[in-house]
Amino acid sequence: FHSSMQLLETGLFDKAGFTRLHVAGHPEGNRDIDADGGEAEVMA
């Protein structure tokens, strides 16, 4: 795995009946995802 989306796509959290799933947000971008300093990928 390299992304949170891949973990969610496994379906294992829903199968286990998880009631809350939180994900990360980046108000000032994330250069690990958008190396150019933008936010196209994090917004996608």
All heavy atoms as atom14 arrays in JSON, in Angstrom:
{
  "sequence": "FHSSMQLLETGLFDKAGFTRLHVAGHPEGNRDIDADGGEAEVMA",
  "atom14_mask": [
    [1, 1, 1, 1, 1, 1, 1, 1, 1, 1, 1, 0, 0, 0],
    [1, 1, 1, 1, 1, 1, 1, 1, 1, 1, 0, 0, 0, 0],
    [1, 1, 1, 1, 1, 1, 0, 0, 0, 0, 0, 0, 0, 0],
    [1, 1, 1, 1, 1, 1, 0, 0, 0, 0, 0, 0, 0, 0],
    [1, 1, 1, 1, 1, 1, 1, 1, 0, 0, 0, 0, 0, 0],
    [1, 1, 1, 1, 1, 1, 1, 1, 1, 0, 0, 0, 0, 0],
    [1, 1, 1, 1, 1, 1, 1, 1, 0, 0, 0, 0, 0, 0],
    [1, 1, 1, 1, 1, 1, 1, 1, 0, 0, 0, 0, 0, 0],
    [1, 1, 1, 1, 1, 1, 1, 1, 1, 0, 0, 0, 0, 0],
    [1, 1, 1, 1, 1, 1, 1, 0, 0, 0, 0, 0, 0, 0],
    [1, 1, 1, 1, 0, 0, 0, 0, 0, 0, 0, 0, 0, 0],
    [1, 1, 1, 1, 1, 1, 1, 1, 0, 0, 0, 0, 0, 0],
    [1, 1, 1, 1, 1, 1, 1, 1, 1, 1, 1, 0, 0, 0],
    [1, 1, 1, 1, 1, 1, 1, 1, 0, 0, 0, 0, 0, 0],
    [1, 1, 1, 1, 1, 1, 1, 1, 1, 0, 0, 0, 0, 0],
    [1, 1, 1, 1, 1, 0, 0, 0, 0, 0, 0, 0, 0, 0],
    [1, 1, 1, 1, 0, 0, 0, 0, 0, 0, 0, 0, 0, 0],
    [1, 1, 1, 1, 1, 1, 1, 1, 1, 1, 1, 0, 0, 0],
    [1, 1, 1, 1, 1, 1, 1, 0, 0, 0, 0, 0, 0, 0],
    [1, 1, 1, 1, 1, 1, 1, 1, 1, 1, 1, 0, 0, 0],
    [1, 1, 1, 1, 1, 1, 1, 1, 0, 0, 0, 0, 0, 0],
    [1, 1, 1, 1, 1, 1, 1, 1, 1, 1, 0, 0, 0, 0],
    [1, 1, 1, 1, 1, 1, 1, 0, 0, 0, 0, 0, 0, 0],
    [1, 1, 1, 1, 1, 0, 0, 0, 0, 0, 0, 0, 0, 0],
    [1, 1, 1, 1, 0, 0, 0, 0, 0, 0, 0, 0, 0, 0],
    [1, 1, 1, 1, 1, 1, 1, 1, 1, 1, 0, 0, 0, 0],
    [1, 1, 1, 1, 1, 1, 1, 0, 0, 0, 0, 0, 0, 0],
    [1, 1, 1, 1, 1, 1, 1, 1, 1, 0, 0, 0, 0, 0],
    [1, 1, 1, 1, 0, 0, 0, 0, 0, 0, 0, 0, 0, 0],
    [1, 1, 1, 1, 1, 1, 1, 1, 0, 0, 0, 0, 0, 0],
    [1, 1, 1, 1, 1, 1, 1, 1, 1, 1, 1, 0, 0, 0],
    [1, 1, 1, 1, 1, 1, 1, 1, 0, 0, 0, 0, 0, 0],
    [1, 1, 1, 1, 1, 1, 1, 1, 0, 0, 0, 0, 0, 0],
    [1, 1, 1, 1, 1, 1, 1, 1, 0, 0, 0, 0, 0, 0],
    [1, 1, 1, 1, 1, 0, 0, 0, 0, 0, 0, 0, 0, 0],
    [1, 1, 1, 1, 1, 1, 1, 1, 0, 0, 0, 0, 0, 0],
    [1, 1, 1, 1, 0, 0, 0, 0, 0, 0, 0, 0, 0, 0],
    [1, 1, 1, 1, 0, 0, 0, 0, 0, 0, 0, 0, 0, 0],
    [1, 1, 1, 1, 1, 1, 1, 1, 1, 0, 0, 0, 0, 0],
    [1, 1, 1, 1, 1, 0, 0, 0, 0, 0, 0, 0, 0, 0],
    [1, 1, 1, 1, 1, 1, 1, 1, 1, 0, 0, 0, 0, 0],
    [1, 1, 1, 1, 1, 1, 1, 0, 0, 0, 0, 0, 0, 0],
    [1, 1, 1, 1, 1, 1, 1, 1, 0, 0, 0, 0, 0, 0],
    [1, 1, 1, 1, 1, 0, 0, 0, 0, 0, 0, 0, 0, 0]
  ],
  "atom14_positions": [
    [[0.82, -1.21, 0.0], [0.0, 0.0, 0.0], [0.86, 1.27, 0.0], [1.9, 1.31, 0.65], [-0.91, 0.03, 1.23], [-1.8, -1.18, 1.38], [-1.6, -2.08, 2.42], [-2.82, -1.42, 0.48], [-2.42, -3.2, 2.57], [-3.65, -2.53, 0.62], [-3.44, -3.42, 1.66], [0.0, 0.0, 0.0], [0.0, 0.0, 0.0], [0.0, 0.0, 0.0]],
    [[0.38, 2.28, -0.7], [1.07, 3.56, -0.65], [0.12, 4.72, -0.35], [0.57, 5.85, -0.17], [1.82, 3.83, -1.95], [0.94, 4.0, -3.16], [0.28, 5.17, -3.44], [0.6, 3.12, -4.14], [-0.43, 5.02, -4.56], [-0.26, 3.78, -4.99], [0.0, 0.0, 0.0], [0.0, 0.0, 0.0], [0.0, 0.0, 0.0], [0.0, 0.0, 0.0]],
    [[-1.19, 4.46, -0.31], [-2.13, 5.55, -0.07], [-3.28, 5.1, 0.82], [-3.59, 3.9, 0.91], [-2.7, 6.07, -1.4], [-3.63, 5.14, -1.94], [0.0, 0.0, 0.0], [0.0, 0.0, 0.0], [0.0, 0.0, 0.0], [0.0, 0.0, 0.0], [0.0, 0.0, 0.0], [0.0, 0.0, 0.0], [0.0, 0.0, 0.0], [0.0, 0.0, 0.0]],
    [[-3.91, 6.06, 1.45], [-5.07, 5.77, 2.29], [-6.21, 5.2, 1.45], [-6.98, 4.36, 1.93], [-5.53, 7.04, 3.0], [-5.88, 8.05, 2.06], [0.0, 0.0, 0.0], [0.0, 0.0, 0.0], [0.0, 0.0, 0.0], [0.0, 0.0, 0.0], [0.0, 0.0, 0.0], [0.0, 0.0, 0.0], [0.0, 0.0, 0.0], [0.0, 0.0, 0.0]],
    [[-6.32, 5.64, 0.21], [-7.4, 5.17, -0.65], [-7.31, 3.67, -0.89], [-8.33, 2.97, -0.95], [-7.39, 5.95, -1.97], [-7.73, 7.42, -1.78], [-7.6, 8.42, -3.29], [-5.82, 8.56, -3.46], [0.0, 0.0, 0.0], [0.0, 0.0, 0.0], [0.0, 0.0, 0.0], [0.0, 0.0, 0.0], [0.0, 0.0, 0.0], [0.0, 0.0, 0.0]],
    [[-6.09, 3.16, -1.01], [-5.93, 1.71, -1.2], [-6.41, 0.94, 0.02], [-7.0, -0.15, -0.12], [-4.46, 1.39, -1.49], [-3.98, 1.84, -2.85], [-2.51, 1.55, -3.04], [-1.68, 1.86, -2.19], [-2.17, 0.93, -4.16], [0.0, 0.0, 0.0], [0.0, 0.0, 0.0], [0.0, 0.0, 0.0], [0.0, 0.0, 0.0], [0.0, 0.0, 0.0]],
    [[-6.16, 1.47, 1.22], [-6.64, 0.81, 2.43], [-8.16, 0.79, 2.45], [-8.79, -0.23, 2.77], [-6.11, 1.51, 3.68], [-4.61, 1.44, 3.97], [-4.32, 2.07, 5.34], [-4.08, 0.03, 3.92], [0.0, 0.0, 0.0], [0.0, 0.0, 0.0], [0.0, 0.0, 0.0], [0.0, 0.0, 0.0], [0.0, 0.0, 0.0], [0.0, 0.0, 0.0]],
    [[-8.77, 1.91, 2.12], [-10.23, 1.99, 2.13], [-10.84, 1.06, 1.09], [-11.89, 0.43, 1.33], [-10.68, 3.43, 1.88], [-10.32, 4.44, 2.98], [-10.61, 5.87, 2.51], [-11.1, 4.13, 4.25], [0.0, 0.0, 0.0], [0.0, 0.0, 0.0], [0.0, 0.0, 0.0], [0.0, 0.0, 0.0], [0.0, 0.0, 0.0], [0.0, 0.0, 0.0]],
    [[-10.17, 0.94, -0.06], [-10.69, 0.1, -1.15], [-10.71, -1.39, -0.8], [-11.43, -2.16, -1.45], [-9.86, 0.32, -2.42], [-10.21, 1.59, -3.17], [-9.35, 1.76, -4.41], [-8.18, 1.33, -4.37], [-9.84, 2.32, -5.4], [0.0, 0.0, 0.0], [0.0, 0.0, 0.0], [0.0, 0.0, 0.0], [0.0, 0.0, 0.0], [0.0, 0.0, 0.0]],
    [[-9.94, -1.82, 0.21], [-9.96, -3.23, 0.58], [-11.33, -3.65, 1.09], [-11.67, -4.84, 1.06], [-8.93, -3.54, 1.69], [-9.3, -2.85, 2.91], [-7.53, -3.14, 1.27], [0.0, 0.0, 0.0], [0.0, 0.0, 0.0], [0.0, 0.0, 0.0], [0.0, 0.0, 0.0], [0.0, 0.0, 0.0], [0.0, 0.0, 0.0], [0.0, 0.0, 0.0]],
    [[-12.11, -2.68, 1.59], [-13.42, -3.0, 2.14], [-13.38, -3.6, 3.53], [-14.44, -3.9, 4.12], [0.0, 0.0, 0.0], [0.0, 0.0, 0.0], [0.0, 0.0, 0.0], [0.0, 0.0, 0.0], [0.0, 0.0, 0.0], [0.0, 0.0, 0.0], [0.0, 0.0, 0.0], [0.0, 0.0, 0.0], [0.0, 0.0, 0.0], [0.0, 0.0, 0.0]],
    [[-12.19, -3.74, 4.1], [-12.06, -4.42, 5.39], [-12.65, -3.62, 6.55], [-13.17, -4.19, 7.51], [-10.59, -4.73, 5.68], [-9.96, -5.81, 4.78], [-8.47, -5.93, 5.07], [-10.66, -7.14, 4.97], [0.0, 0.0, 0.0], [0.0, 0.0, 0.0], [0.0, 0.0, 0.0], [0.0, 0.0, 0.0], [0.0, 0.0, 0.0], [0.0, 0.0, 0.0]],
    [[-12.59, -2.3, 6.47], [-13.12, -1.48, 7.57], [-14.65, -1.57, 7.6], [-15.26, -1.71, 8.67], [-12.67, -0.03, 7.43], [-11.19, 0.16, 7.58], [-10.38, 0.34, 6.46], [-10.6, 0.12, 8.83], [-9.01, 0.51, 6.6], [-9.23, 0.28, 8.98], [-8.43, 0.47, 7.85], [0.0, 0.0, 0.0], [0.0, 0.0, 0.0], [0.0, 0.0, 0.0]],
    [[-15.28, -1.5, 6.44], [-16.74, -1.64, 6.39], [-17.16, -3.05, 6.78], [-18.15, -3.25, 7.5], [-17.25, -1.3, 4.99], [-17.37, 0.2, 4.75], [-17.74, 0.92, 5.71], [-17.08, 0.66, 3.64], [0.0, 0.0, 0.0], [0.0, 0.0, 0.0], [0.0, 0.0, 0.0], [0.0, 0.0, 0.0], [0.0, 0.0, 0.0], [0.0, 0.0, 0.0]],
    [[-16.4, -4.04, 6.34], [-16.71, -5.43, 6.68], [-16.66, -5.64, 8.19], [-17.45, -6.41, 8.76], [-15.74, -6.37, 5.98], [-16.03, -7.85, 6.2], [-15.04, -8.72, 5.43], [-15.32, -10.2, 5.66], [-14.36, -11.06, 4.92], [0.0, 0.0, 0.0], [0.0, 0.0, 0.0], [0.0, 0.0, 0.0], [0.0, 0.0, 0.0], [0.0, 0.0, 0.0]],
    [[-15.72, -4.96, 8.85], [-15.57, -5.09, 10.3], [-16.58, -4.24, 11.06], [-16.65, -4.3, 12.29], [-14.16, -4.71, 10.71], [0.0, 0.0, 0.0], [0.0, 0.0, 0.0], [0.0, 0.0, 0.0], [0.0, 0.0, 0.0], [0.0, 0.0, 0.0], [0.0, 0.0, 0.0], [0.0, 0.0, 0.0], [0.0, 0.0, 0.0], [0.0, 0.0, 0.0]],
    [[-17.34, -3.43, 10.35], [-18.36, -2.61, 11.0], [-17.82, -1.36, 11.67], [-18.41, -0.88, 12.65], [0.0, 0.0, 0.0], [0.0, 0.0, 0.0], [0.0, 0.0, 0.0], [0.0, 0.0, 0.0], [0.0, 0.0, 0.0], [0.0, 0.0, 0.0], [0.0, 0.0, 0.0], [0.0, 0.0, 0.0], [0.0, 0.0, 0.0], [0.0, 0.0, 0.0]],
    [[-16.71, -0.81, 11.14], [-16.2, 0.43, 11.71], [-17.24, 1.54, 11.56], [-17.83, 1.71, 10.5], [-14.89, 0.84, 11.03], [-13.66, 0.32, 11.71], [-13.58, -1.01, 12.11], [-12.59, 1.15, 11.97], [-12.45, -1.5, 12.75], [-11.45, 0.68, 12.61], [-11.37, -0.66, 13.01], [0.0, 0.0, 0.0], [0.0, 0.0, 0.0], [0.0, 0.0, 0.0]],
    [[-17.45, 2.27, 12.65], [-18.48, 3.31, 12.65], [-17.96, 4.67, 12.21], [-18.74, 5.52, 11.77], [-19.08, 3.46, 14.05], [-18.02, 3.78, 14.99], [-19.76, 2.18, 14.49], [0.0, 0.0, 0.0], [0.0, 0.0, 0.0], [0.0, 0.0, 0.0], [0.0, 0.0, 0.0], [0.0, 0.0, 0.0], [0.0, 0.0, 0.0], [0.0, 0.0, 0.0]],
    [[-16.65, 4.87, 12.33], [-16.03, 6.14, 11.91], [-14.73, 5.86, 11.17], [-13.9, 5.09, 11.64], [-15.74, 7.05, 13.11], [-16.89, 7.95, 13.51], [-16.45, 8.98, 14.52], [-17.48, 9.95, 14.8], [-17.64, 11.09, 14.13], [-16.82, 11.39, 13.14], [-18.61, 11.92, 14.45], [0.0, 0.0, 0.0], [0.0, 0.0, 0.0], [0.0, 0.0, 0.0]],
    [[-14.56, 6.54, 10.03], [-13.32, 6.48, 9.28], [-12.91, 7.92, 8.95], [-13.62, 8.61, 8.22], [-13.51, 5.69, 7.98], [-13.81, 4.2, 8.14], [-14.14, 3.59, 6.78], [-12.64, 3.45, 8.78], [0.0, 0.0, 0.0], [0.0, 0.0, 0.0], [0.0, 0.0, 0.0], [0.0, 0.0, 0.0], [0.0, 0.0, 0.0], [0.0, 0.0, 0.0]],
    [[-11.83, 8.36, 9.52], [-11.34, 9.71, 9.25], [-10.17, 9.64, 8.29], [-9.43, 8.65, 8.25], [-10.95, 10.41, 10.55], [-12.12, 10.78, 11.4], [-12.01, 11.54, 12.55], [-13.44, 10.5, 11.27], [-13.21, 11.7, 13.09], [-14.09, 11.07, 12.34], [0.0, 0.0, 0.0], [0.0, 0.0, 0.0], [0.0, 0.0, 0.0], [0.0, 0.0, 0.0]],
    [[-10.01, 10.7, 7.52], [-8.93, 10.78, 6.52], [-8.19, 12.1, 6.73], [-8.67, 13.0, 7.41], [-9.49, 10.68, 5.09], [-10.04, 9.29, 4.82], [-10.57, 11.74, 4.83], [0.0, 0.0, 0.0], [0.0, 0.0, 0.0], [0.0, 0.0, 0.0], [0.0, 0.0, 0.0], [0.0, 0.0, 0.0], [0.0, 0.0, 0.0], [0.0, 0.0, 0.0]],
    [[-7.0, 12.2, 6.12], [-6.15, 13.36, 6.35], [-6.48, 14.51, 5.4], [-6.86, 14.28, 4.24], [-4.69, 12.97, 6.18], [0.0, 0.0, 0.0], [0.0, 0.0, 0.0], [0.0, 0.0, 0.0], [0.0, 0.0, 0.0], [0.0, 0.0, 0.0], [0.0, 0.0, 0.0], [0.0, 0.0, 0.0], [0.0, 0.0, 0.0], [0.0, 0.0, 0.0]],
    [[-6.33, 15.73, 5.89], [-6.49, 16.93, 5.08], [-5.25, 17.8, 5.2], [-4.56, 17.77, 6.22], [0.0, 0.0, 0.0], [0.0, 0.0, 0.0], [0.0, 0.0, 0.0], [0.0, 0.0, 0.0], [0.0, 0.0, 0.0], [0.0, 0.0, 0.0], [0.0, 0.0, 0.0], [0.0, 0.0, 0.0], [0.0, 0.0, 0.0], [0.0, 0.0, 0.0]],
    [[-4.99, 18.58, 4.15], [-3.74, 19.36, 4.1], [-4.04, 20.8, 3.66], [-3.97, 21.11, 2.47], [-2.75, 18.7, 3.14], [-2.48, 17.26, 3.46], [-1.59, 16.88, 4.43], [-3.01, 16.12, 2.96], [-1.56, 15.55, 4.5], [-2.41, 15.07, 3.62], [0.0, 0.0, 0.0], [0.0, 0.0, 0.0], [0.0, 0.0, 0.0], [0.0, 0.0, 0.0]],
    [[-4.34, 21.67, 4.61], [-4.67, 23.07, 4.25], [-3.57, 23.78, 3.48], [-3.85, 24.7, 2.71], [-4.91, 23.72, 5.62], [-5.31, 22.61, 6.51], [-4.52, 21.42, 6.04], [0.0, 0.0, 0.0], [0.0, 0.0, 0.0], [0.0, 0.0, 0.0], [0.0, 0.0, 0.0], [0.0, 0.0, 0.0], [0.0, 0.0, 0.0], [0.0, 0.0, 0.0]],
    [[-2.32, 23.39, 3.71], [-1.21, 24.05, 3.02], [-0.52, 23.13, 2.02], [0.65, 23.3, 1.69], [-0.21, 24.58, 4.06], [-0.83, 25.62, 4.97], [0.18, 26.24, 5.91], [0.55, 25.58, 6.9], [0.61, 27.37, 5.65], [0.0, 0.0, 0.0], [0.0, 0.0, 0.0], [0.0, 0.0, 0.0], [0.0, 0.0, 0.0], [0.0, 0.0, 0.0]],
    [[-1.27, 22.15, 1.53], [-0.73, 21.23, 0.54], [0.13, 20.15, 1.16], [0.36, 20.11, 2.37], [0.0, 0.0, 0.0], [0.0, 0.0, 0.0], [0.0, 0.0, 0.0], [0.0, 0.0, 0.0], [0.0, 0.0, 0.0], [0.0, 0.0, 0.0], [0.0, 0.0, 0.0], [0.0, 0.0, 0.0], [0.0, 0.0, 0.0], [0.0, 0.0, 0.0]],
    [[0.61, 19.26, 0.31], [1.45, 18.16, 0.76], [2.44, 17.82, -0.35], [2.06, 17.27, -1.39], [0.59, 16.94, 1.09], [1.4, 15.78, 1.66], [2.61, 15.69, 1.46], [0.74, 14.9, 2.37], [0.0, 0.0, 0.0], [0.0, 0.0, 0.0], [0.0, 0.0, 0.0], [0.0, 0.0, 0.0], [0.0, 0.0, 0.0], [0.0, 0.0, 0.0]],
    [[3.7, 18.17, -0.16], [4.7, 17.97, -1.21], [5.01, 16.5, -1.46], [5.62, 16.17, -2.47], [5.98, 18.75, -0.89], [5.81, 20.27, -1.11], [7.11, 21.01, -1.01], [6.96, 22.42, -1.34], [7.06, 22.92, -2.56], [7.29, 22.11, -3.58], [6.9, 24.21, -2.78], [0.0, 0.0, 0.0], [0.0, 0.0, 0.0], [0.0, 0.0, 0.0]],
    [[4.63, 15.62, -0.55], [4.78, 14.2, -0.82], [3.84, 13.76, -1.94], [4.08, 12.76, -2.62], [4.48, 13.37, 0.44], [5.6, 13.45, 1.46], [6.71, 13.87, 1.09], [5.36, 13.09, 2.63], [0.0, 0.0, 0.0], [0.0, 0.0, 0.0], [0.0, 0.0, 0.0], [0.0, 0.0, 0.0], [0.0, 0.0, 0.0], [0.0, 0.0, 0.0]],
    [[2.75, 14.52, -2.11], [1.74, 14.17, -3.12], [1.85, 15.11, -4.32], [1.84, 14.66, -5.46], [0.33, 14.24, -2.5], [0.23, 13.27, -1.31], [-0.73, 13.91, -3.54], [-1.06, 13.37, -0.55], [0.0, 0.0, 0.0], [0.0, 0.0, 0.0], [0.0, 0.0, 0.0], [0.0, 0.0, 0.0], [0.0, 0.0, 0.0], [0.0, 0.0, 0.0]],
    [[1.94, 16.4, -4.05], [2.08, 17.4, -5.11], [3.47, 18.01, -5.01], [3.68, 19.0, -4.3], [1.01, 18.5, -4.97], [-0.36, 18.02, -5.39], [-0.6, 17.89, -6.61], [-1.2, 17.77, -4.51], [0.0, 0.0, 0.0], [0.0, 0.0, 0.0], [0.0, 0.0, 0.0], [0.0, 0.0, 0.0], [0.0, 0.0, 0.0], [0.0, 0.0, 0.0]],
    [[4.42, 17.43, -5.7], [5.81, 17.87, -5.59], [6.02, 19.29, -6.07], [6.98, 19.96, -5.67], [6.72, 16.92, -6.38], [0.0, 0.0, 0.0], [0.0, 0.0, 0.0], [0.0, 0.0, 0.0], [0.0, 0.0, 0.0], [0.0, 0.0, 0.0], [0.0, 0.0, 0.0], [0.0, 0.0, 0.0], [0.0, 0.0, 0.0], [0.0, 0.0, 0.0]],
    [[5.11, 19.8, -6.91], [5.26, 21.15, -7.44], [4.75, 22.22, -6.49], [4.8, 23.41, -6.8], [4.56, 21.27, -8.8], [3.04, 21.06, -8.7], [2.55, 20.75, -7.59], [2.37, 21.19, -9.74], [0.0, 0.0, 0.0], [0.0, 0.0, 0.0], [0.0, 0.0, 0.0], [0.0, 0.0, 0.0], [0.0, 0.0, 0.0], [0.0, 0.0, 0.0]],
    [[4.26, 21.79, -5.31], [3.76, 22.75, -4.34], [2.31, 23.13, -4.55], [1.76, 23.93, -3.79], [0.0, 0.0, 0.0], [0.0, 0.0, 0.0], [0.0, 0.0, 0.0], [0.0, 0.0, 0.0], [0.0, 0.0, 0.0], [0.0, 0.0, 0.0], [0.0, 0.0, 0.0], [0.0, 0.0, 0.0], [0.0, 0.0, 0.0], [0.0, 0.0, 0.0]],
    [[1.66, 22.57, -5.55], [0.24, 22.85, -5.79], [-0.65, 21.94, -4.97], [-0.23, 21.39, -3.94], [0.0, 0.0, 0.0], [0.0, 0.0, 0.0], [0.0, 0.0, 0.0], [0.0, 0.0, 0.0], [0.0, 0.0, 0.0], [0.0, 0.0, 0.0], [0.0, 0.0, 0.0], [0.0, 0.0, 0.0], [0.0, 0.0, 0.0], [0.0, 0.0, 0.0]],
    [[-1.88, 21.74, -5.43], [-2.79, 20.88, -4.69], [-3.68, 20.05, -5.62], [-4.71, 19.53, -5.18], [-3.65, 21.7, -3.73], [-4.58, 22.7, -4.39], [-5.49, 23.42, -3.39], [-5.23, 23.32, -2.16], [-6.44, 24.06, -3.84], [0.0, 0.0, 0.0], [0.0, 0.0, 0.0], [0.0, 0.0, 0.0], [0.0, 0.0, 0.0], [0.0, 0.0, 0.0]],
    [[-3.29, 19.9, -6.88], [-4.12, 19.16, -7.83], [-4.36, 17.73, -7.36], [-5.5, 17.24, -7.39], [-3.47, 19.17, -9.21], [0.0, 0.0, 0.0], [0.0, 0.0, 0.0], [0.0, 0.0, 0.0], [0.0, 0.0, 0.0], [0.0, 0.0, 0.0], [0.0, 0.0, 0.0], [0.0, 0.0, 0.0], [0.0, 0.0, 0.0], [0.0, 0.0, 0.0]],
    [[-3.31, 17.06, -6.92], [-3.44, 15.66, -6.54], [-4.16, 15.5, -5.2], [-4.99, 14.6, -5.04], [-2.07, 14.99, -6.48], [-1.36, 14.9, -7.83], [-2.16, 14.1, -8.84], [-2.8, 13.1, -8.45], [-2.17, 14.48, -10.03], [0.0, 0.0, 0.0], [0.0, 0.0, 0.0], [0.0, 0.0, 0.0], [0.0, 0.0, 0.0], [0.0, 0.0, 0.0]],
    [[-3.84, 16.37, -4.23], [-4.52, 16.24, -2.94], [-6.0, 16.58, -3.07], [-6.84, 16.0, -2.39], [-3.86, 17.11, -1.84], [-2.51, 16.59, -1.47], [-3.79, 18.57, -2.22], [0.0, 0.0, 0.0], [0.0, 0.0, 0.0], [0.0, 0.0, 0.0], [0.0, 0.0, 0.0], [0.0, 0.0, 0.0], [0.0, 0.0, 0.0], [0.0, 0.0, 0.0]],
    [[-6.33, 17.49, -3.97], [-7.74, 17.83, -4.17], [-8.46, 16.67, -4.88], [-9.61, 16.35, -4.54], [-7.88, 19.11, -4.98], [-9.26, 19.74, -4.91], [-9.81, 20.17, -3.21], [-8.78, 21.61, -2.87], [0.0, 0.0, 0.0], [0.0, 0.0, 0.0], [0.0, 0.0, 0.0], [0.0, 0.0, 0.0], [0.0, 0.0, 0.0], [0.0, 0.0, 0.0]],
    [[-7.78, 16.02, -5.82], [-8.37, 14.85, -6.47], [-8.6, 13.74, -5.45], [-9.63, 13.05, -5.48], [-7.46, 14.37, -7.6], [0.0, 0.0, 0.0], [0.0, 0.0, 0.0], [0.0, 0.0, 0.0], [0.0, 0.0, 0.0], [0.0, 0.0, 0.0], [0.0, 0.0, 0.0], [0.0, 0.0, 0.0], [0.0, 0.0, 0.0], [0.0, 0.0, 0.0]]
  ]
}
